[in-house]
Structure formats: structure tokens, C-alpha cells
Amino acid sequence: MIHIVSRTEGFRRCGVAHSVAPTDHPDDRFTADELERLREDPMLVVVVLSDDDDEMASQKATTDKPVGADSSAQVGSASASTDGIKPAKNSDK
């Protein structure tokens, strides 16, 4: 898998308008020469993932819970008891 991110939306290289959003391409999408040009281009971030990396990423994606999916986490508001608290005396009198 070839993972590409462009520094500028729509930047074109090797017949593809690349996105600022990470985009995955199959290993056979680009020739060896095209892949070399992509990797050398300072406008692109190119990562070639091995089959092991692809498999690990796939497994992680299927086992990770979305943020906030834990039903045991509770968000509450802090409240302080006002029992025994007297208002401050106004000394401007």
C-alpha cells in the first residue's frame, strides 16, 4: 500500500491530483519511476507500507473503539455545597 499526502490540495504529480487528506493507493498503482518521482517531490509525503503494516493497520482499525465509545466514562459537573458559607460583608458602608 502506498500512502500519500499532499502539502497543497489538488497538487498534480504522475497523473493524479493529490489531496491534503491521506490517500491510500495499491502497490501496483505507480511504476517504479513514478514512485521515485513521488518520493522525491517535496510537495508530497509518501509512505510505502509493507504487507505486514497493511495487516496491522487493518486489524487496529477493526478493534479500536471510537473516542467517546466507552460507556463507563461519565462527564459530570462539579458542584460545591454552599452549606455553612456566609456572604462576604460589604465594607464600603
Foldseek 3Di string as FASTA:
>chain_A
DKKKAFQDQQDDAPHDGHGNPIDDDDPPPDDPVSVVVQVPDPRMDIDDDDPVRVVVVVVCVVPDDPPPPPPVDDDDDDDDDCPPPDDDDDPPD
